[in-house]
């Protein structure tokens, strides 16, 4: 898996992770004016990596986000939560 981050459209940081190092996929949520969600992965080392830098999934229901996490778990042959 490759994750890119951009700062001010000038700097790019790229991190690469082996799919075998992914231990779990979670839905994280935060309370603002309404609940907002994002997907994150946990590596076998215990490090959590959000798949987006912000909680912007407020336009999608929690069920859709959880469904997407389940699809990723199925693809990686991880146990369901």
Protein backbone atom coordinates (compact mmCIF):
# COMPACT_ATOMS: atom_id res chain seq x y z
CA UNK A 1 0.00 0.00 0.00
CA UNK A 2 1.31 3.46 -0.83
CA UNK A 3 0.14 6.56 0.98
CA UNK A 4 0.93 10.06 -0.28
CA UNK A 5 0.60 13.30 1.65
CA UNK A 6 0.83 16.78 0.22
CA UNK A 7 1.53 20.04 1.99
CA UNK A 8 0.70 23.28 0.23
CA UNK A 9 0.97 21.53 -3.13
CA UNK A 10 4.75 21.84 -2.86
CA UNK A 11 5.93 18.94 -0.74
CA UNK A 12 4.96 15.32 -1.10
CA UNK A 13 5.75 12.54 1.35
CA UNK A 14 5.24 8.95 0.27
CA UNK A 15 5.13 5.98 2.63
CA UNK A 16 4.93 2.38 1.48
CA UNK A 17 3.52 -0.42 3.60
CA UNK A 18 3.29 -4.12 2.84
CA UNK A 19 -0.25 -5.48 2.68
CA UNK A 20 0.98 -8.34 4.87
CA UNK A 21 1.72 -5.81 7.64
CA UNK A 22 -1.91 -4.69 7.88
CA UNK A 23 -3.50 -6.17 10.97
CA UNK A 24 -6.91 -4.45 11.00
CA UNK A 25 -9.11 -1.81 9.37
CA UNK A 26 -11.24 0.45 11.57
CA UNK A 27 -13.75 3.22 11.25
CA UNK A 28 -12.71 6.17 13.40
CA UNK A 29 -15.24 8.84 14.29
CA UNK A 30 -15.12 12.26 15.82
CA UNK A 31 -17.92 14.44 17.11
CA UNK A 32 -18.22 17.89 15.54
CA UNK A 33 -21.57 19.44 14.73
CA UNK A 34 -22.41 15.92 13.62
CA UNK A 35 -20.50 12.65 13.67
CA UNK A 36 -17.75 12.44 11.06
CA UNK A 37 -15.87 9.32 10.04
CA UNK A 38 -12.69 8.12 8.39
CA UNK A 39 -11.02 4.80 7.74
CA UNK A 40 -7.72 3.85 9.32
CA UNK A 41 -5.53 0.76 9.34
CA UNK A 42 -3.50 -0.78 12.13
CA UNK A 43 -0.19 -2.38 11.28
CA UNK A 44 1.19 -5.47 13.03
CA UNK A 45 3.60 -3.11 14.83
CA UNK A 46 0.57 -1.39 16.41
CA UNK A 47 0.96 1.84 14.45
CA UNK A 48 -2.35 3.39 13.31
CA UNK A 49 -2.45 5.02 9.89
CA UNK A 50 -5.49 7.05 8.82
CA UNK A 51 -6.36 6.62 5.15
CA UNK A 52 -7.21 10.32 4.96
CA UNK A 53 -5.77 13.24 6.89
CA UNK A 54 -9.20 14.61 7.76
CA UNK A 55 -12.63 13.43 8.84
CA UNK A 56 -14.52 14.26 5.65
CA UNK A 57 -16.90 11.36 5.37
CA UNK A 58 -19.74 13.25 7.00
CA UNK A 59 -21.67 13.09 3.74
CA UNK A 60 -21.77 9.29 3.94
CA UNK A 61 -23.60 7.28 6.53
CA UNK A 62 -21.70 5.27 9.11
CA UNK A 63 -23.09 2.08 7.57
CA UNK A 64 -21.50 2.89 4.20
CA UNK A 65 -18.15 3.63 5.84
CA UNK A 66 -18.32 0.38 7.84
CA UNK A 67 -19.26 -1.49 4.67
CA UNK A 68 -16.17 -0.06 2.93
CA UNK A 69 -13.99 -1.17 5.87
CA UNK A 70 -15.50 -4.66 5.53
CA UNK A 71 -14.66 -4.72 1.83
CA UNK A 72 -11.04 -3.89 2.61
CA UNK A 73 -10.95 -6.55 5.35
CA UNK A 74 -12.34 -9.13 2.89
CA UNK A 75 -9.78 -8.16 0.24
CA UNK A 76 -6.96 -8.57 2.77
CA UNK A 77 -8.49 -11.77 4.23
CA UNK A 78 -8.69 -10.19 7.69
CA UNK A 79 -11.21 -11.33 10.30
CA UNK A 80 -14.35 -9.22 10.57
CA UNK A 81 -15.00 -7.20 13.72
